């Protein structure tokens, strides 16, 4: 007996991560991604990735309708914990192509843009 439902496979965090180098490459190549910063506005004021849209994690449910499920969604936070939770939330709500930035904006500042503030 085969399963004919459209239920996605269980969420596997390791399949929903992207490195800062991979993200930099996608941005450099102008790939049509949605980059979302799930940190709080106060954190965003300290440091941000220019291309990212700020949608704090607790506000994500109110913004879900505005996300494009046909485009890759990459989420980031400070170190990667909140963005992985946000990726899981979006995955549970039908977004298959979601990724969390491993190490968050802190890793981005270390490896990609050392001129950025760190906190």
N, C-alpha and C. Protein backbone atom coordinates (compact mmCIF):
# COMPACT_ATOMS: atom_id res chain seq x y z
N UNK A 1 0.84 -1.18 0.00
CA UNK A 1 0.00 0.00 0.00
C UNK A 1 0.89 1.24 0.00
N UNK A 2 0.63 2.17 -0.92
CA UNK A 2 1.45 3.37 -1.01
C UNK A 2 0.73 4.56 -0.40
N UNK A 3 1.52 5.48 0.08
CA UNK A 3 0.99 6.70 0.67
C UNK A 3 0.76 7.71 -0.45
N UNK A 4 -0.48 8.07 -0.70
CA UNK A 4 -0.80 8.97 -1.81
C UNK A 4 -1.01 10.40 -1.34
N UNK A 5 -0.91 10.64 -0.04
CA UNK A 5 -1.12 12.00 0.45
C UNK A 5 0.10 12.87 0.13
N UNK A 6 -0.10 14.17 0.23
CA UNK A 6 0.96 15.14 -0.07
C UNK A 6 1.73 15.53 1.18
N UNK A 7 1.67 14.74 2.24
CA UNK A 7 2.35 15.06 3.48
C UNK A 7 3.85 15.09 3.26
N UNK A 8 4.49 16.21 3.62
CA UNK A 8 5.94 16.28 3.44
C UNK A 8 6.65 15.35 4.42
N UNK A 9 7.89 14.98 4.10
CA UNK A 9 8.64 14.15 5.06
C UNK A 9 8.87 14.94 6.35
N UNK A 10 9.19 14.25 7.44
CA UNK A 10 9.44 14.96 8.69
C UNK A 10 10.57 15.99 8.52
N UNK A 11 10.48 17.05 9.28
CA UNK A 11 11.49 18.12 9.23
C UNK A 11 12.82 17.58 9.74
N UNK A 12 13.85 17.74 8.93
CA UNK A 12 15.20 17.32 9.31
C UNK A 12 16.10 18.55 9.28
N UNK A 13 16.43 19.09 10.46
CA UNK A 13 17.18 20.35 10.51
C UNK A 13 18.42 20.39 9.61
N UNK A 14 19.16 19.30 9.55
CA UNK A 14 20.40 19.30 8.75
C UNK A 14 20.13 19.52 7.26
N UNK A 15 18.93 19.26 6.80
CA UNK A 15 18.58 19.49 5.40
C UNK A 15 18.06 20.91 5.17
N UNK A 16 17.95 21.67 6.24
CA UNK A 16 17.40 23.02 6.15
C UNK A 16 18.39 24.06 6.68
N UNK A 17 19.67 23.82 6.40
CA UNK A 17 20.72 24.76 6.80
C UNK A 17 21.46 25.22 5.57
N UNK A 18 22.00 26.44 5.64
CA UNK A 18 22.82 26.98 4.58
C UNK A 18 23.99 27.71 5.24
N UNK A 19 25.17 27.56 4.67
CA UNK A 19 26.35 28.21 5.23
C UNK A 19 26.41 29.66 4.78
N UNK A 20 27.21 30.46 5.48
CA UNK A 20 27.35 31.86 5.11
C UNK A 20 27.99 31.98 3.72
N UNK A 21 28.88 31.05 3.38
CA UNK A 21 29.50 31.08 2.04
C UNK A 21 28.46 30.80 0.95
N UNK A 22 27.58 29.84 1.20
CA UNK A 22 26.53 29.53 0.22
C UNK A 22 25.58 30.72 0.04
N UNK A 23 25.22 31.37 1.16
CA UNK A 23 24.35 32.54 1.07
C UNK A 23 25.03 33.66 0.30
N UNK A 24 26.30 33.92 0.58
CA UNK A 24 27.04 34.97 -0.11
C UNK A 24 27.04 34.71 -1.61
N UNK A 25 27.25 33.47 -2.00
CA UNK A 25 27.25 33.10 -3.42
C UNK A 25 25.88 33.38 -4.05
N UNK A 26 24.82 33.02 -3.36
CA UNK A 26 23.47 33.26 -3.88
C UNK A 26 23.21 34.76 -4.04
N UNK A 27 23.63 35.56 -3.06
CA UNK A 27 23.44 37.01 -3.14
C UNK A 27 24.29 37.59 -4.28
N UNK A 28 25.53 37.15 -4.41
CA UNK A 28 26.42 37.64 -5.47
C UNK A 28 25.87 37.31 -6.86
N UNK A 29 25.17 36.19 -6.97
CA UNK A 29 24.62 35.76 -8.25
C UNK A 29 23.18 36.25 -8.45
N UNK A 30 22.70 37.10 -7.55
CA UNK A 30 21.34 37.64 -7.63
C UNK A 30 20.28 36.56 -7.76
N UNK A 31 20.46 35.46 -7.04
CA UNK A 31 19.44 34.41 -7.06
C UNK A 31 18.16 34.96 -6.41
N UNK A 32 17.00 34.53 -6.89
CA UNK A 32 15.73 35.05 -6.38
C UNK A 32 15.32 34.44 -5.04
N UNK A 33 16.07 34.78 -4.00
CA UNK A 33 15.77 34.25 -2.67
C UNK A 33 15.04 35.31 -1.86
N UNK A 34 14.39 34.85 -0.80
CA UNK A 34 13.81 35.74 0.19
C UNK A 34 14.67 35.59 1.44
N UNK A 35 15.40 36.64 1.80
CA UNK A 35 16.25 36.61 2.99
C UNK A 35 15.52 37.34 4.11
N UNK A 36 15.25 36.63 5.19
CA UNK A 36 14.46 37.18 6.29
C UNK A 36 15.26 37.13 7.59
N UNK A 37 15.33 38.28 8.24
CA UNK A 37 15.97 38.43 9.55
C UNK A 37 14.87 38.27 10.60
N UNK A 38 14.96 37.23 11.42
CA UNK A 38 13.91 36.97 12.41
C UNK A 38 14.25 37.51 13.80
N UNK A 39 15.29 38.34 13.88
CA UNK A 39 15.66 38.94 15.16
C UNK A 39 14.72 40.09 15.51
N UNK A 40 14.92 40.65 16.67
CA UNK A 40 14.11 41.78 17.12
C UNK A 40 14.65 43.09 16.54
N UNK A 41 13.79 44.12 16.41
CA UNK A 41 14.24 45.41 15.85
C UNK A 41 15.48 45.99 16.52
N UNK A 42 15.59 45.84 17.84
CA UNK A 42 16.76 46.36 18.55
C UNK A 42 18.05 45.68 18.07
N UNK A 43 17.99 44.38 17.82
CA UNK A 43 19.16 43.65 17.32
C UNK A 43 19.48 44.09 15.89
N UNK A 44 18.43 44.28 15.11
CA UNK A 44 18.57 44.68 13.71
C UNK A 44 19.27 46.04 13.60
N UNK A 45 19.01 46.93 14.57
CA UNK A 45 19.65 48.24 14.57
C UNK A 45 21.15 48.15 14.83
N UNK A 46 21.59 47.13 15.56
CA UNK A 46 23.01 46.95 15.87
C UNK A 46 23.77 46.52 14.62
N UNK A 47 23.20 45.57 13.89
CA UNK A 47 23.85 45.03 12.70
C UNK A 47 22.80 44.32 11.85
N UNK A 48 22.96 44.44 10.53
CA UNK A 48 22.02 43.73 9.64
C UNK A 48 22.71 43.41 8.32
N UNK A 49 22.14 42.45 7.62
CA UNK A 49 22.53 42.14 6.25
C UNK A 49 21.59 42.96 5.38
N UNK A 50 22.15 43.84 4.56
CA UNK A 50 21.35 44.79 3.77
C UNK A 50 20.19 44.16 3.03
N UNK A 51 20.41 43.00 2.43
CA UNK A 51 19.40 42.37 1.58
C UNK A 51 18.26 41.71 2.36
N UNK A 52 18.39 41.64 3.68
CA UNK A 52 17.38 40.93 4.49
C UNK A 52 16.21 41.83 4.86
N UNK A 53 15.03 41.23 4.89
CA UNK A 53 13.83 41.89 5.39
C UNK A 53 13.65 41.50 6.84
N UNK A 54 13.36 42.46 7.69
CA UNK A 54 13.16 42.19 9.11
C UNK A 54 11.72 41.76 9.35
N UNK A 55 11.57 40.52 9.82
CA UNK A 55 10.28 40.01 10.29
C UNK A 55 10.58 39.24 11.58
N UNK A 56 10.47 39.90 12.73
CA UNK A 56 10.76 39.21 13.99
C UNK A 56 9.99 37.89 14.09
N UNK A 57 10.63 36.90 14.68
CA UNK A 57 10.07 35.55 14.73
C UNK A 57 8.63 35.53 15.24
N UNK A 58 8.34 36.30 16.28
CA UNK A 58 6.98 36.29 16.83
C UNK A 58 5.96 36.92 15.89
N UNK A 59 6.42 37.69 14.90
CA UNK A 59 5.52 38.32 13.94
C UNK A 59 5.35 37.49 12.66
N UNK A 60 6.11 36.42 12.55
CA UNK A 60 6.08 35.61 11.33
C UNK A 60 4.68 35.12 10.94
N UNK A 61 3.85 34.66 11.90
CA UNK A 61 2.51 34.19 11.51
C UNK A 61 1.68 35.27 10.80
N UNK A 62 1.86 36.53 11.17
CA UNK A 62 1.10 37.60 10.54
C UNK A 62 1.62 37.95 9.14
N UNK A 63 2.81 37.48 8.81
CA UNK A 63 3.43 37.80 7.51
C UNK A 63 3.50 36.60 6.56
N UNK A 64 3.00 35.47 7.00
CA UNK A 64 3.15 34.24 6.23
C UNK A 64 2.50 34.33 4.84
N UNK A 65 1.39 35.06 4.76
CA UNK A 65 0.69 35.19 3.47
C UNK A 65 1.53 35.97 2.44
N UNK A 66 2.42 36.82 2.92
CA UNK A 66 3.24 37.63 2.02
C UNK A 66 4.50 36.93 1.52
N UNK A 67 4.74 35.71 1.99
CA UNK A 67 5.92 34.97 1.56
C UNK A 67 5.62 34.17 0.29
N UNK A 68 6.61 34.05 -0.55
CA UNK A 68 6.47 33.34 -1.82
C UNK A 68 6.95 31.90 -1.67
N UNK A 69 6.02 30.96 -1.66
CA UNK A 69 6.38 29.55 -1.46
C UNK A 69 7.13 28.96 -2.65
N UNK A 70 7.19 29.69 -3.77
CA UNK A 70 7.92 29.21 -4.94
C UNK A 70 9.40 29.62 -4.92
N UNK A 71 9.74 30.53 -4.01
CA UNK A 71 11.13 30.97 -3.91
C UNK A 71 11.77 30.38 -2.66
N UNK A 72 13.08 30.22 -2.72
CA UNK A 72 13.81 29.76 -1.54
C UNK A 72 13.77 30.85 -0.47
N UNK A 73 13.45 30.44 0.75
CA UNK A 73 13.39 31.37 1.88
C UNK A 73 14.56 31.03 2.79
N UNK A 74 15.41 32.03 3.04
CA UNK A 74 16.55 31.85 3.93
C UNK A 74 16.34 32.77 5.13
N UNK A 75 16.37 32.17 6.30
CA UNK A 75 16.13 32.90 7.54
C UNK A 75 17.44 33.02 8.32
N UNK A 76 17.61 34.17 8.99
CA UNK A 76 18.77 34.28 9.86
C UNK A 76 18.39 34.99 11.14
N UNK A 77 19.19 34.72 12.18
CA UNK A 77 19.04 35.39 13.47
C UNK A 77 20.45 35.71 13.95
N UNK A 78 20.67 35.69 15.25
CA UNK A 78 21.99 36.01 15.79
C UNK A 78 22.97 34.85 15.61
N UNK A 79 22.58 33.65 16.08
CA UNK A 79 23.47 32.49 15.99
C UNK A 79 22.87 31.29 15.26
N UNK A 80 21.60 31.34 14.90
CA UNK A 80 21.01 30.24 14.13
C UNK A 80 19.92 29.45 14.83
N UNK A 81 19.68 29.73 16.10
CA UNK A 81 18.66 28.96 16.83
C UNK A 81 17.24 29.41 16.46
N UNK A 82 16.98 30.70 16.57
CA UNK A 82 15.63 31.21 16.25
C UNK A 82 15.31 30.99 14.79
N UNK A 83 16.29 31.17 13.92
CA UNK A 83 16.00 31.00 12.49
C UNK A 83 15.67 29.55 12.16
N UNK A 84 16.28 28.60 12.88
CA UNK A 84 15.93 27.19 12.66
C UNK A 84 14.50 26.93 13.15
N UNK A 85 14.12 27.55 14.27
CA UNK A 85 12.73 27.41 14.75
C UNK A 85 11.76 28.01 13.75
N UNK A 86 12.13 29.15 13.17
CA UNK A 86 11.29 29.79 12.16
C UNK A 86 11.20 28.94 10.90
N UNK A 87 12.31 28.32 10.52
CA UNK A 87 12.30 27.43 9.35
C UNK A 87 11.36 26.25 9.60
N UNK A 88 11.41 25.69 10.79
CA UNK A 88 10.52 24.60 11.15
C UNK A 88 9.05 25.05 11.09
N UNK A 89 8.77 26.22 11.61
CA UNK A 89 7.41 26.76 11.58
C UNK A 89 6.92 26.90 10.13
N UNK A 90 7.75 27.50 9.28
CA UNK A 90 7.34 27.67 7.88
C UNK A 90 7.17 26.32 7.18
N UNK A 91 8.06 25.39 7.47
CA UNK A 91 7.97 24.05 6.88
C UNK A 91 6.64 23.39 7.28
N UNK A 92 6.28 23.54 8.54
CA UNK A 92 5.01 22.97 9.03
C UNK A 92 3.81 23.64 8.37
N UNK A 93 4.02 24.83 7.82
CA UNK A 93 2.94 25.57 7.18
C UNK A 93 3.03 25.53 5.66
N UNK A 94 3.71 24.52 5.12
CA UNK A 94 3.69 24.26 3.69
C UNK A 94 4.85 24.83 2.88
N UNK A 95 5.80 25.48 3.52
CA UNK A 95 6.96 26.00 2.78
C UNK A 95 8.06 24.94 2.79
N UNK A 96 8.30 24.35 1.64
CA UNK A 96 9.27 23.25 1.55
C UNK A 96 10.71 23.75 1.43
N UNK A 97 10.90 24.87 0.76
CA UNK A 97 12.24 25.35 0.43
C UNK A 97 12.67 26.44 1.41
N UNK A 98 12.88 26.05 2.67
CA UNK A 98 13.30 27.00 3.71
C UNK A 98 14.63 26.55 4.30
N UNK A 99 15.46 27.54 4.61
CA UNK A 99 16.76 27.22 5.20
C UNK A 99 17.08 28.23 6.28
N UNK A 100 17.86 27.79 7.25
CA UNK A 100 18.35 28.63 8.33
C UNK A 100 19.84 28.86 8.10
N UNK A 101 20.28 30.10 8.30
CA UNK A 101 21.69 30.44 8.12
C UNK A 101 22.49 29.91 9.32
N UNK A 102 23.36 28.96 9.06
CA UNK A 102 24.18 28.36 10.10
C UNK A 102 25.08 29.41 10.73
N UNK A 103 24.99 29.56 12.04
CA UNK A 103 25.81 30.53 12.75
C UNK A 103 25.26 31.94 12.75
N UNK A 104 24.18 32.17 12.00
CA UNK A 104 23.51 33.46 11.97
C UNK A 104 24.37 34.62 11.52
N UNK A 105 23.91 35.81 11.86
CA UNK A 105 24.61 37.02 11.42
C UNK A 105 25.98 37.12 12.09
N UNK A 106 26.16 36.49 13.23
CA UNK A 106 27.46 36.51 13.88
C UNK A 106 28.50 35.79 13.01
N UNK A 107 28.13 34.64 12.46
CA UNK A 107 29.03 33.90 11.57
C UNK A 107 29.27 34.70 10.29
N UNK A 108 28.23 35.37 9.81
CA UNK A 108 28.35 36.22 8.61
C UNK A 108 29.41 37.31 8.86
N UNK A 109 29.35 37.93 10.05
CA UNK A 109 30.30 38.99 10.39
C UNK A 109 31.73 38.44 10.53
N UNK A 110 31.86 37.21 11.00
CA UNK A 110 33.19 36.61 11.16
C UNK A 110 33.78 36.24 9.81
N UNK A 111 33.00 35.56 8.96
CA UNK A 111 33.55 34.99 7.73
C UNK A 111 33.37 35.84 6.48
N UNK A 112 32.30 36.62 6.40
CA UNK A 112 31.99 37.31 5.14
C UNK A 112 32.28 38.80 5.24
N UNK A 113 31.82 39.45 6.29
CA UNK A 113 31.99 40.91 6.39
C UNK A 113 32.46 41.31 7.79
N UNK A 114 33.78 41.25 8.01
CA UNK A 114 34.30 41.58 9.34
C UNK A 114 34.16 43.04 9.74
N UNK A 115 33.66 43.89 8.84
CA UNK A 115 33.43 45.29 9.20
C UNK A 115 32.11 45.46 9.98
N UNK A 116 31.27 44.44 9.99
CA UNK A 116 29.99 44.52 10.69
C UNK A 116 30.18 44.46 12.20
N UNK A 117 29.26 45.10 12.92
CA UNK A 117 29.25 45.03 14.37
C UNK A 117 28.92 43.62 14.81
N UNK A 118 29.46 43.23 15.95
CA UNK A 118 29.11 41.94 16.57
C UNK A 118 28.64 42.21 17.98
N UNK A 119 27.74 41.38 18.45
CA UNK A 119 27.23 41.53 19.82
C UNK A 119 27.02 40.18 20.46
